[in-house]
Protein backbone atom coordinates (compact mmCIF):
# COMPACT_ATOMS: atom_id res chain seq x y z
CA UNK A 1 -56.11 7.25 2.46
CA UNK A 2 -59.87 7.63 0.72
CA UNK A 3 -59.31 4.58 -0.53
CA UNK A 4 -57.79 2.42 1.88
CA UNK A 5 -61.17 4.46 4.61
CA UNK A 6 -63.82 4.01 2.19
CA UNK A 7 -62.58 0.43 1.11
CA UNK A 8 -61.62 -0.28 4.78
CA UNK A 9 -65.53 0.59 5.41
CA UNK A 10 -67.04 -0.47 2.41
CA UNK A 11 -65.93 -4.33 2.62
CA UNK A 12 -66.68 -4.33 6.60
CA UNK A 13 -70.35 -3.63 6.74
CA UNK A 14 -71.21 -5.36 3.32
CA UNK A 15 -68.91 -8.43 4.73
CA UNK A 16 -71.26 -8.75 7.73
CA UNK A 17 -73.93 -11.36 7.39
CA UNK A 18 -72.15 -12.00 4.34
CA UNK A 19 -71.60 -16.20 2.97
CA UNK A 20 -68.36 -15.81 4.17
CA UNK A 21 -69.25 -15.14 7.60
CA UNK A 22 -70.39 -17.62 7.43
CA UNK A 23 -68.65 -19.78 5.85
CA UNK A 24 -65.74 -18.21 9.18
CA UNK A 25 -68.90 -20.07 11.22
CA UNK A 26 -68.39 -23.24 9.78
CA UNK A 27 -64.43 -23.09 9.77
CA UNK A 28 -64.33 -22.63 12.98
CA UNK A 29 -66.91 -25.55 14.21
CA UNK A 30 -64.78 -27.82 11.84
CA UNK A 31 -61.53 -27.19 12.88
CA UNK A 32 -59.89 -26.80 16.98
CA UNK A 33 -57.50 -23.65 15.97
CA UNK A 34 -57.70 -20.01 14.87
CA UNK A 35 -54.70 -19.09 13.84
CA UNK A 36 -54.42 -21.14 9.93
CA UNK A 37 -58.50 -20.04 9.68
CA UNK A 38 -57.37 -16.65 10.18
CA UNK A 39 -54.32 -16.61 7.95
CA UNK A 40 -56.40 -18.86 5.53
CA UNK A 41 -59.02 -15.52 5.17
CA UNK A 42 -55.75 -13.36 4.74
CA UNK A 43 -53.57 -15.45 2.22
CA UNK A 44 -57.56 -15.64 0.46
CA UNK A 45 -58.36 -12.26 0.58
CA UNK A 46 -55.38 -11.71 -0.79
CA UNK A 47 -54.72 -12.87 -3.31
CA UNK A 48 -58.88 -12.20 -5.24
CA UNK A 49 -58.37 -8.27 -3.93
CA UNK A 50 -55.70 -8.14 -5.33
CA UNK A 51 -56.89 -10.00 -8.94
CA UNK A 52 -59.76 -7.93 -8.19
CA UNK A 53 -58.17 -4.39 -8.27
CA UNK A 54 -55.92 -5.27 -10.35
CA UNK A 55 -59.03 -5.75 -12.97
CA UNK A 56 -60.80 -2.75 -11.49
CA UNK A 57 -58.25 -0.73 -12.23
CA UNK A 58 -57.83 -1.65 -16.44
CA UNK A 59 -61.40 -1.87 -16.96
CA UNK A 60 -60.85 1.93 -15.63
CA UNK A 61 -57.64 3.11 -17.12
CA UNK A 62 -59.33 1.43 -21.26
CA UNK A 63 -62.93 3.31 -20.09
CA UNK A 64 -63.51 7.12 -21.85
CA UNK A 65 -63.05 9.61 -18.79
CA UNK A 66 -66.24 10.38 -19.76
CA UNK A 67 -68.86 7.36 -18.65
CA UNK A 68 -66.37 6.13 -15.88
CA UNK A 69 -68.50 8.30 -13.30
CA UNK A 70 -70.69 7.29 -14.82
CA UNK A 71 -71.34 3.41 -14.23
CA UNK A 72 -69.29 3.69 -11.20
CA UNK A 73 -72.19 5.50 -10.03
CA UNK A 74 -74.75 2.69 -11.68
CA UNK A 75 -72.51 0.49 -10.00
CA UNK A 76 -71.91 1.85 -6.43
CA UNK A 77 -76.16 2.04 -6.72
CA UNK A 78 -76.27 -1.59 -8.15
CA UNK A 79 -74.09 -3.31 -5.08
CA UNK A 80 -76.13 -1.32 -2.62
CA UNK A 81 -80.00 -2.47 -4.03
CA UNK A 82 -78.19 -6.36 -3.72
CA UNK A 83 -76.95 -5.86 0.46
CA UNK A 84 -79.95 -5.59 0.59
CA UNK A 85 -81.01 -9.24 -0.79
CA UNK A 86 -79.36 -11.76 2.71
CA UNK A 87 -77.24 -14.39 1.71
CA UNK A 88 -77.77 -17.11 2.49
CA UNK A 89 -75.33 -20.48 3.79
CA UNK A 90 -75.01 -23.26 0.38
CA UNK A 91 -71.66 -25.06 2.46
CA UNK A 92 -71.54 -28.01 1.50
CA UNK A 93 -69.22 -30.27 3.36
CA UNK A 94 -65.28 -30.49 0.59
CA UNK A 95 -62.99 -32.56 -0.24
CA UNK A 96 -61.00 -28.96 0.58
CA UNK A 97 -62.15 -29.55 4.01
CA UNK A 98 -59.06 -32.51 4.28
CA UNK A 99 -56.72 -30.09 3.16
CA UNK A 100 -56.46 -29.26 7.11
CA UNK A 101 -57.30 -26.28 8.35
CA UNK A 102 -55.41 -22.74 6.44
CA UNK A 103 -55.44 -24.57 2.90
CA UNK A 104 -59.34 -25.57 3.51
CA UNK A 105 -60.15 -21.47 4.27
CA UNK A 106 -57.86 -20.81 1.70
CA UNK A 107 -59.14 -22.33 -1.00
CA UNK A 108 -62.32 -22.43 0.42
CA UNK A 109 -62.08 -18.09 1.35
CA UNK A 110 -61.13 -17.88 -2.01
CA UNK A 111 -63.38 -19.31 -3.72
CA UNK A 112 -67.09 -18.38 -2.09
CA UNK A 113 -65.55 -15.10 -2.81
CA UNK A 114 -65.80 -15.73 -7.10
CA UNK A 115 -68.31 -12.87 -7.51
CA UNK A 116 -69.07 -12.64 -4.24
CA UNK A 117 -70.30 -9.01 -2.97
CA UNK A 118 -67.09 -8.08 -2.05
CA UNK A 119 -65.54 -8.91 -4.92
CA UNK A 120 -68.00 -6.68 -7.08
CA UNK A 121 -67.32 -4.01 -5.09
CA UNK A 122 -63.61 -3.68 -5.24
CA UNK A 123 -63.11 -4.19 -8.73
CA UNK A 124 -65.79 -0.96 -8.79
CA UNK A 125 -63.84 0.81 -5.83
CA UNK A 126 -60.20 0.22 -7.41
CA UNK A 127 -61.98 1.17 -10.85
CA UNK A 128 -63.04 4.49 -8.51
CA UNK A 129 -60.33 5.03 -6.67
CA UNK A 130 -56.26 5.38 -8.24
CA UNK A 131 -54.63 4.26 -5.39
CA UNK A 132 -55.09 0.50 -6.50
CA UNK A 133 -52.78 -1.45 -4.15
CA UNK A 134 -54.86 0.79 -1.32
CA UNK A 135 -58.07 -0.44 -1.76
CA UNK A 136 -56.44 -4.04 -1.83
CA UNK A 137 -55.30 -3.43 1.40
CA UNK A 138 -58.22 -1.79 2.80
CA UNK A 139 -60.38 -4.50 1.87
CA UNK A 140 -58.60 -6.78 3.79
CA UNK A 141 -58.47 -5.26 6.30
CA UNK A 142 -62.58 -5.17 6.47
CA UNK A 143 -62.86 -8.78 5.37
CA UNK A 144 -60.65 -9.69 8.47
CA UNK A 145 -62.21 -6.86 10.82
CA UNK A 146 -65.61 -8.80 10.09
CA UNK A 147 -64.49 -12.35 10.09
CA UNK A 148 -61.75 -11.85 12.58
CA UNK A 149 -64.99 -11.39 15.84
CA UNK A 150 -66.44 -14.00 14.33
CA UNK A 151 -63.93 -16.88 14.37
CA UNK A 152 -62.56 -15.57 17.66
CA UNK A 153 -66.07 -15.42 19.47
CA UNK A 154 -69.08 -17.24 17.27
CA UNK A 155 -71.93 -18.03 17.10
CA UNK A 156 -72.46 -15.91 21.04
CA UNK A 157 -71.18 -12.57 18.16
CA UNK A 158 -73.47 -14.13 15.31
CA UNK A 159 -76.93 -13.98 17.43
CA UNK A 160 -75.95 -10.65 18.40
CA UNK A 161 -75.95 -8.67 15.44
CA UNK A 162 -78.39 -6.71 14.06
CA UNK A 163 -78.01 -8.36 10.21
CA UNK A 164 -80.65 -6.19 8.91
CA UNK A 165 -80.02 -3.70 9.34
CA UNK A 166 -75.45 -3.61 8.98
CA UNK A 167 -77.19 -4.93 5.11
CA UNK A 168 -79.05 -1.52 5.35
CA UNK A 169 -76.01 0.83 6.65
CA UNK A 170 -73.98 -0.87 3.72
CA UNK A 171 -76.35 -0.31 1.08
CA UNK A 172 -76.56 3.29 2.03
CA UNK A 173 -72.96 3.67 2.50
CA UNK A 174 -72.23 2.72 -1.48
CA UNK A 175 -75.31 4.77 -2.04
CA UNK A 176 -73.00 7.50 -0.44
CA UNK A 177 -70.46 6.48 -2.70
CA UNK A 178 -72.37 6.81 -5.56
CA UNK A 179 -73.22 10.13 -5.11
CA UNK A 180 -70.03 12.10 -4.03
CA UNK A 181 -68.54 9.47 -7.53
CA UNK A 182 -71.30 11.30 -9.63
CA UNK A 183 -71.22 15.10 -7.26
CA UNK A 184 -67.39 14.61 -7.43
CA UNK A 185 -67.91 14.92 -11.50
CA UNK A 186 -70.72 17.26 -11.64
CA UNK A 187 -68.69 19.56 -9.89
CA UNK A 188 -65.10 18.94 -11.40
CA UNK A 189 -66.27 19.68 -15.46
């Protein structure tokens, strides 16, 4: 349950103001129906985060056990610092938009997540927790929890979210995960 809760909360907070949230806003302005957009986000996130989590679990299985807490702690700190840098909306009209709301959302979200903070966080979380399935479910729930309100409330919600506060909160959460990881390693040995 720790893997699910940590993953959900980490991705939810990290996603506020992220480029995929801006993509959600763009897609809801482009397509009238919201359900295909939500389903596209679900499919893209499940695929992207499953691949990311499996990569994280695989890497963790190959690293010497003594190294893992230190690498994870460094990764959590790096993500915490990265989260302090605001994303920008670099979306431009794409040929994928002609595929319709569901396929366009699926493809665009999958591509937008490649190398994104939440994808890297998923890799690190899966390396941290042995419950890969719950990391995938948690990061997907976090992604949906952050994006569905944007899809439903759109510009009204985005105008009222304190994005700087959300970035700082997400950064603090990843620093806490770093401290917990290193503390657990030091007290276990």
